[in-house]
Amino acid sequence: MSQQPAPIVIPMPSFIDELVTRAGALDDEPARVGLAIALSQENVERGGGPFGAVVMAGSHVIAGGVNLVLASGLSIAHAEIVALMRAQQALQSGVTALGPLALYTSTEPCCQCFGALVWSGITRLVCAATTRDAEEIGFDEGPKPASWTEELERRGISVQLGVSGAQAREVLREYARRGGEIYGSRPPGS
């Protein structure tokens, strides 16, 4: 008999749900993005990557996520992917989404997260810091179409950029000041 492969498990830090619960209902865009930024800040303080994300339906948080690449050793464990997986899991287990789903992120999506958005069921994306901000501290955000926002909008996903960008940039800079590991970067041809 063939041996069954081990399941892939990404443990979720308890602080994610603690911050989400403490936040309660969030009635405006800056508060929603602020929760994603607070998640990214807490993750940095605990030795993780400087990215956070929240999936919401109206003012109700469906799920939060942080970058777990360092903790899990899995390159796919970006904050957006973690939040989307957790939201999809919550919705399949009976959580009701009252209205369309939106993703709030501490930084614009990298190429991986951009690709995931296309089929995620999200109808709105709101971002704080820019791709350039992440790249300025050393991250390689990968190849995205130059007109990535237009591509998402063409597919029915509205995009708003720069909400609370200064606050999110500060988290990125704090990560760099702490000597946070820049992962996922490879020289061309290697």
C-alpha atoms as a PDB file:
ATOM      1  CA  MET A   1       0.000   0.000   0.000  1.00  0.00           C
ATOM      2  CA  SER A   2       1.180   3.482  -0.730  1.00  0.00           C
ATOM      3  CA  GLN A   3       1.709   5.824   2.144  1.00  0.00           C
ATOM      4  CA  GLN A   4      -0.597   8.832   2.366  1.00  0.00           C
ATOM      5  CA  PRO A   5       1.209  12.156   2.174  1.00  0.00           C
ATOM      6  CA  ALA A   6       1.205  14.236   5.321  1.00  0.00           C
ATOM      7  CA  PRO A   7      -1.246  17.151   5.284  1.00  0.00           C
ATOM      8  CA  ILE A   8       0.159  20.633   4.939  1.00  0.00           C
ATOM      9  CA  VAL A   9      -0.629  22.549   8.105  1.00  0.00           C
ATOM     10  CA  ILE A  10       0.036  26.219   8.741  1.00  0.00           C
ATOM     11  CA  PRO A  11      -0.483  26.990  12.438  1.00  0.00           C
ATOM     12  CA  MET A  12      -2.263  30.302  13.012  1.00  0.00           C
ATOM     13  CA  PRO A  13      -0.902  32.574  15.726  1.00  0.00           C
ATOM     14  CA  SER A  14      -3.633  33.299  18.287  1.00  0.00           C
ATOM     15  CA  PHE A  15      -2.991  37.045  18.128  1.00  0.00           C
ATOM     16  CA  ILE A  16      -4.690  37.204  14.708  1.00  0.00           C
ATOM     17  CA  ASP A  17      -8.116  36.299  16.053  1.00  0.00           C
ATOM     18  CA  GLU A  18      -7.506  38.264  19.256  1.00  0.00           C
ATOM     19  CA  LEU A  19      -6.893  41.471  17.270  1.00  0.00           C
ATOM     20  CA  VAL A  20      -9.862  40.779  14.996  1.00  0.00           C
ATOM     21  CA  THR A  21     -12.186  40.166  17.963  1.00  0.00           C
ATOM     22  CA  ARG A  22     -10.945  43.275  19.753  1.00  0.00           C
ATOM     23  CA  ALA A  23     -11.542  45.382  16.613  1.00  0.00           C
ATOM     24  CA  GLY A  24     -15.233  44.477  16.390  1.00  0.00           C
ATOM     25  CA  ALA A  25     -17.278  46.030  13.577  1.00  0.00           C
ATOM     26  CA  LEU A  26     -15.325  48.409  11.375  1.00  0.00           C
ATOM     27  CA  ASP A  27     -17.436  51.043   9.672  1.00  0.00           C
ATOM     28  CA  ASP A  28     -14.916  52.891   7.491  1.00  0.00           C
ATOM     29  CA  GLU A  29     -12.035  52.190   5.119  1.00  0.00           C
ATOM     30  CA  PRO A  30      -9.244  53.620   7.322  1.00  0.00           C
ATOM     31  CA  ALA A  31     -10.357  51.436  10.261  1.00  0.00           C
ATOM     32  CA  ARG A  32     -10.455  48.330   8.055  1.00  0.00           C
ATOM     33  CA  VAL A  33      -7.024  48.991   6.588  1.00  0.00           C
ATOM     34  CA  GLY A  34      -5.885  49.927  10.101  1.00  0.00           C
ATOM     35  CA  LEU A  35      -6.689  46.392  11.265  1.00  0.00           C
ATOM     36  CA  ALA A  36      -4.568  44.917   8.447  1.00  0.00           C
ATOM     37  CA  ILE A  37      -1.723  47.259   9.455  1.00  0.00           C
ATOM     38  CA  ALA A  38      -2.135  46.365  13.154  1.00  0.00           C
ATOM     39  CA  LEU A  39      -1.850  42.681  12.213  1.00  0.00           C
ATOM     40  CA  SER A  40       1.325  43.390  10.229  1.00  0.00           C
ATOM     41  CA  GLN A  41       2.822  45.366  13.140  1.00  0.00           C
ATOM     42  CA  GLU A  42       2.047  42.631  15.650  1.00  0.00           C
ATOM     43  CA  ASN A  43       3.561  40.045  13.310  1.00  0.00           C
ATOM     44  CA  VAL A  44       6.781  42.080  13.054  1.00  0.00           C
ATOM     45  CA  GLU A  45       6.926  42.399  16.843  1.00  0.00           C
ATOM     46  CA  ARG A  46       6.684  38.592  17.062  1.00  0.00           C
ATOM     47  CA  GLY A  47       9.420  37.977  14.484  1.00  0.00           C
ATOM     48  CA  GLY A  48       7.231  37.524  11.394  1.00  0.00           C
ATOM     49  CA  GLY A  49       7.033  39.304   8.062  1.00  0.00           C
ATOM     50  CA  PRO A  50       5.645  42.850   7.770  1.00  0.00           C
ATOM     51  CA  PHE A  51       2.365  42.131   6.002  1.00  0.00           C
ATOM     52  CA  GLY A  52      -1.248  41.809   7.179  1.00  0.00           C
ATOM     53  CA  ALA A  53      -4.622  41.356   5.492  1.00  0.00           C
ATOM     54  CA  VAL A  54      -8.302  41.173   6.397  1.00  0.00           C
ATOM     55  CA  VAL A  55     -11.276  39.776   4.465  1.00  0.00           C
ATOM     56  CA  MET A  56     -14.495  41.607   5.249  1.00  0.00           C
ATOM     57  CA  ALA A  57     -18.164  41.612   4.320  1.00  0.00           C
ATOM     58  CA  GLY A  58     -19.354  45.144   4.965  1.00  0.00           C
ATOM     59  CA  SER A  59     -18.254  46.093   8.491  1.00  0.00           C
ATOM     60  CA  HIS A  60     -17.912  42.425   9.573  1.00  0.00           C
ATOM     61  CA  VAL A  61     -14.477  40.749   9.593  1.00  0.00           C
ATOM     62  CA  ILE A  62     -14.631  37.267   8.067  1.00  0.00           C
ATOM     63  CA  ALA A  63     -10.931  36.463   8.629  1.00  0.00           C
ATOM     64  CA  GLY A  64      -7.544  38.020   9.223  1.00  0.00           C
ATOM     65  CA  GLY A  65      -4.122  36.885   8.123  1.00  0.00           C
ATOM     66  CA  VAL A  66      -0.459  37.722   8.492  1.00  0.00           C
ATOM     67  CA  ASN A  67       2.607  36.719   6.552  1.00  0.00           C
ATOM     68  CA  LEU A  68       3.659  33.296   7.828  1.00  0.00           C
ATOM     69  CA  VAL A  69       6.445  32.538   5.341  1.00  0.00           C
ATOM     70  CA  LEU A  70       9.145  32.573   8.028  1.00  0.00           C
ATOM     71  CA  ALA A  71       7.101  30.669  10.619  1.00  0.00           C
ATOM     72  CA  SER A  72       5.906  27.965   8.214  1.00  0.00           C
ATOM     73  CA  GLY A  73       8.771  27.760   5.724  1.00  0.00           C
ATOM     74  CA  LEU A  74       6.140  27.896   2.960  1.00  0.00           C
ATOM     75  CA  SER A  75       6.613  30.521   0.261  1.00  0.00           C
ATOM     76  CA  ILE A  76       2.876  30.682  -0.395  1.00  0.00           C
ATOM     77  CA  ALA A  77       1.986  31.746   3.179  1.00  0.00           C
ATOM     78  CA  HIS A  78       1.589  35.451   2.378  1.00  0.00           C
ATOM     79  CA  ALA A  79      -0.845  37.528   4.453  1.00  0.00           C
ATOM     80  CA  GLU A  80      -3.376  37.842   1.621  1.00  0.00           C
ATOM     81  CA  ILE A  81      -3.292  34.105   0.879  1.00  0.00           C
ATOM     82  CA  VAL A  82      -3.641  33.257   4.593  1.00  0.00           C
ATOM     83  CA  ALA A  83      -6.596  35.659   5.001  1.00  0.00           C
ATOM     84  CA  LEU A  84      -8.288  34.351   1.841  1.00  0.00           C
ATOM     85  CA  MET A  85      -7.847  30.687   2.851  1.00  0.00           C
ATOM     86  CA  ARG A  86      -9.170  31.381   6.346  1.00  0.00           C
ATOM     87  CA  ALA A  87     -12.152  33.324   4.959  1.00  0.00           C
ATOM     88  CA  GLN A  88     -12.996  30.572   2.473  1.00  0.00           C
ATOM     89  CA  GLN A  89     -12.747  28.006   5.274  1.00  0.00           C
ATOM     90  CA  ALA A  90     -14.994  30.109   7.547  1.00  0.00           C
ATOM     91  CA  LEU A  91     -17.591  30.584   4.807  1.00  0.00           C
ATOM     92  CA  GLN A  92     -17.637  26.838   4.048  1.00  0.00           C
ATOM     93  CA  SER A  93     -18.196  26.069   7.732  1.00  0.00           C
ATOM     94  CA  GLY A  94     -21.275  28.241   8.032  1.00  0.00           C
ATOM     95  CA  VAL A  95     -20.136  31.827   8.626  1.00  0.00           C
ATOM     96  CA  THR A  96     -22.518  34.044   6.695  1.00  0.00           C
ATOM     97  CA  ALA A  97     -21.137  36.836   4.548  1.00  0.00           C
ATOM     98  CA  LEU A  98     -23.619  39.685   4.569  1.00  0.00           C
ATOM     99  CA  GLY A  99     -22.680  41.300   1.295  1.00  0.00           C
ATOM    100  CA  PRO A 100     -19.771  41.180  -1.117  1.00  0.00           C
ATOM    101  CA  LEU A 101     -16.278  40.349   0.139  1.00  0.00           C
ATOM    102  CA  ALA A 102     -13.454  42.880   0.303  1.00  0.00           C
ATOM    103  CA  LEU A 103      -9.755  42.377   1.025  1.00  0.00           C
ATOM    104  CA  TYR A 104      -7.875  45.031   3.004  1.00  0.00           C
ATOM    105  CA  THR A 105      -4.084  44.782   2.912  1.00  0.00           C
ATOM    106  CA  SER A 106      -1.168  46.525   4.569  1.00  0.00           C
ATOM    107  CA  THR A 107       0.708  46.526   1.232  1.00  0.00           C
ATOM    108  CA  GLU A 108      -0.259  46.101  -2.423  1.00  0.00           C
ATOM    109  CA  PRO A 109      -0.260  42.457  -3.541  1.00  0.00           C
ATOM    110  CA  CYS A 110       2.839  40.771  -4.947  1.00  0.00           C
ATOM    111  CA  CYS A 111       2.533  38.782  -8.172  1.00  0.00           C
ATOM    112  CA  GLN A 112       1.449  35.620  -6.287  1.00  0.00           C
ATOM    113  CA  CYS A 113      -1.278  37.392  -4.325  1.00  0.00           C
ATOM    114  CA  PHE A 114      -2.397  39.328  -7.424  1.00  0.00           C
ATOM    115  CA  GLY A 115      -2.949  35.995  -9.163  1.00  0.00           C
ATOM    116  CA  ALA A 116      -4.894  34.571  -6.236  1.00  0.00           C
ATOM    117  CA  LEU A 117      -7.224  37.581  -6.156  1.00  0.00           C
ATOM    118  CA  VAL A 118      -8.532  36.856  -9.642  1.00  0.00           C
ATOM    119  CA  TRP A 119     -10.325  33.654  -8.512  1.00  0.00           C
ATOM    120  CA  SER A 120     -10.855  34.460  -4.822  1.00  0.00           C
ATOM    121  CA  GLY A 121     -14.405  35.816  -4.922  1.00  0.00           C
ATOM    122  CA  ILE A 122     -13.228  39.214  -3.658  1.00  0.00           C
ATOM    123  CA  THR A 123     -15.036  42.157  -5.260  1.00  0.00           C
ATOM    124  CA  ARG A 124     -13.005  44.968  -3.651  1.00  0.00           C
ATOM    125  CA  LEU A 125      -9.315  45.402  -2.812  1.00  0.00           C
ATOM    126  CA  VAL A 126      -8.059  48.233  -0.589  1.00  0.00           C
ATOM    127  CA  CYS A 127      -4.302  48.631  -0.020  1.00  0.00           C
ATOM    128  CA  ALA A 128      -2.106  50.800   2.176  1.00  0.00           C
ATOM    129  CA  ALA A 129       1.626  50.753   1.296  1.00  0.00           C
ATOM    130  CA  THR A 130       2.777  50.361  -2.293  1.00  0.00           C
ATOM    131  CA  THR A 131       4.754  47.711  -4.124  1.00  0.00           C
ATOM    132  CA  ARG A 132       7.575  50.243  -4.325  1.00  0.00           C
ATOM    133  CA  ASP A 133       7.532  50.639  -0.521  1.00  0.00           C
ATOM    134  CA  ALA A 134       8.029  46.873  -0.083  1.00  0.00           C
ATOM    135  CA  GLU A 135      10.754  46.805  -2.724  1.00  0.00           C
ATOM    136  CA  GLU A 136      12.566  49.754  -1.117  1.00  0.00           C
ATOM    137  CA  ILE A 137      13.283  47.615   1.957  1.00  0.00           C
ATOM    138  CA  GLY A 138      14.466  44.718  -0.221  1.00  0.00           C
ATOM    139  CA  PHE A 139      11.456  42.532  -1.045  1.00  0.00           C
ATOM    140  CA  ASP A 140      11.069  41.258  -4.613  1.00  0.00           C
ATOM    141  CA  GLU A 141       7.372  41.572  -5.372  1.00  0.00           C
ATOM    142  CA  GLY A 142       7.699  39.740  -8.688  1.00  0.00           C
ATOM    143  CA  PRO A 143       6.272  40.478 -12.106  1.00  0.00           C
ATOM    144  CA  LYS A 144       2.769  41.946 -12.103  1.00  0.00           C
ATOM    145  CA  PRO A 145       1.168  43.565 -15.126  1.00  0.00           C
ATOM    146  CA  ALA A 146       1.927  47.290 -15.222  1.00  0.00           C
ATOM    147  CA  SER A 147      -1.829  47.851 -15.381  1.00  0.00           C
ATOM    148  CA  TRP A 148      -2.644  45.374 -12.585  1.00  0.00           C
ATOM    149  CA  THR A 149      -5.345  47.563 -11.043  1.00  0.00           C
ATOM    150  CA  GLU A 150      -7.125  47.901 -14.387  1.00  0.00           C
ATOM    151  CA  GLU A 151      -6.901  44.129 -14.887  1.00  0.00           C
ATOM    152  CA  LEU A 152      -8.578  43.508 -11.535  1.00  0.00           C
ATOM    153  CA  GLU A 153     -11.242  46.111 -12.264  1.00  0.00           C
ATOM    154  CA  ARG A 154     -11.872  44.524 -15.676  1.00  0.00           C
ATOM    155  CA  ARG A 155     -12.569  41.307 -13.768  1.00  0.00           C
ATOM    156  CA  GLY A 156     -15.062  42.996 -11.411  1.00  0.00           C
ATOM    157  CA  ILE A 157     -12.711  43.778  -8.498  1.00  0.00           C
ATOM    158  CA  SER A 158     -12.663  47.468  -7.567  1.00  0.00           C
ATOM    159  CA  VAL A 159      -9.315  48.753  -6.289  1.00  0.00           C
ATOM    160  CA  GLN A 160      -8.439  51.592  -3.921  1.00  0.00           C
ATOM    161  CA  LEU A 161      -4.795  52.357  -3.177  1.00  0.00           C
ATOM    162  CA  GLY A 162      -2.925  54.438  -0.617  1.00  0.00           C
ATOM    163  CA  VAL A 163      -5.366  54.266   2.312  1.00  0.00           C
ATOM    164  CA  SER A 164      -3.254  54.852   5.459  1.00  0.00           C
ATOM    165  CA  GLY A 165      -0.102  54.363   3.388  1.00  0.00           C
ATOM    166  CA  ALA A 166       2.195  56.303   5.732  1.00  0.00           C
ATOM    167  CA  GLN A 167       1.250  54.096   8.684  1.00  0.00           C
ATOM    168  CA  ALA A 168       1.891  50.912   6.658  1.00  0.00           C
ATOM    169  CA  ARG A 169       5.223  52.230   5.336  1.00  0.00           C
ATOM    170  CA  GLU A 170       6.333  52.729   8.930  1.00  0.00           C
ATOM    171  CA  VAL A 171       5.748  49.023   9.659  1.00  0.00           C
ATOM    172  CA  LEU A 172       7.877  48.098   6.631  1.00  0.00           C
ATOM    173  CA  ARG A 173      10.625  50.454   7.779  1.00  0.00           C
ATOM    174  CA  GLU A 174      10.464  49.064  11.316  1.00  0.00           C
ATOM    175  CA  TYR A 175      10.922  45.573   9.904  1.00  0.00           C
ATOM    176  CA  ALA A 176      14.017  46.760   8.027  1.00  0.00           C
ATOM    177  CA  ARG A 177      15.386  48.549  11.144  1.00  0.00           C
ATOM    178  CA  ARG A 178      15.020  45.317  13.121  1.00  0.00           C
ATOM    179  CA  GLY A 179      17.010  43.474  10.465  1.00  0.00           C
ATOM    180  CA  GLY A 180      14.007  41.407   9.357  1.00  0.00           C
ATOM    181  CA  GLU A 181      14.810  38.659   6.889  1.00  0.00           C
ATOM    182  CA  ILE A 182      14.146  39.472   3.243  1.00  0.00           C
ATOM    183  CA  TYR A 183      12.886  36.153   1.927  1.00  0.00           C
ATOM    184  CA  GLY A 184      11.862  34.997  -1.512  1.00  0.00           C
ATOM    185  CA  SER A 185      14.489  37.006  -3.335  1.00  0.00           C
ATOM    186  CA  ARG A 186      16.783  35.267  -5.807  1.00  0.00           C
ATOM    187  CA  PRO A 187      19.338  36.702  -8.175  1.00  0.00           C
ATOM    188  CA  PRO A 188      18.315  36.258 -11.834  1.00  0.00           C
ATOM    189  CA  GLY A 189      19.492  32.959 -13.303  1.00  0.00           C
ATOM    190  CA  SER A 190      19.863  31.134  -9.990  1.00  0.00           C
END
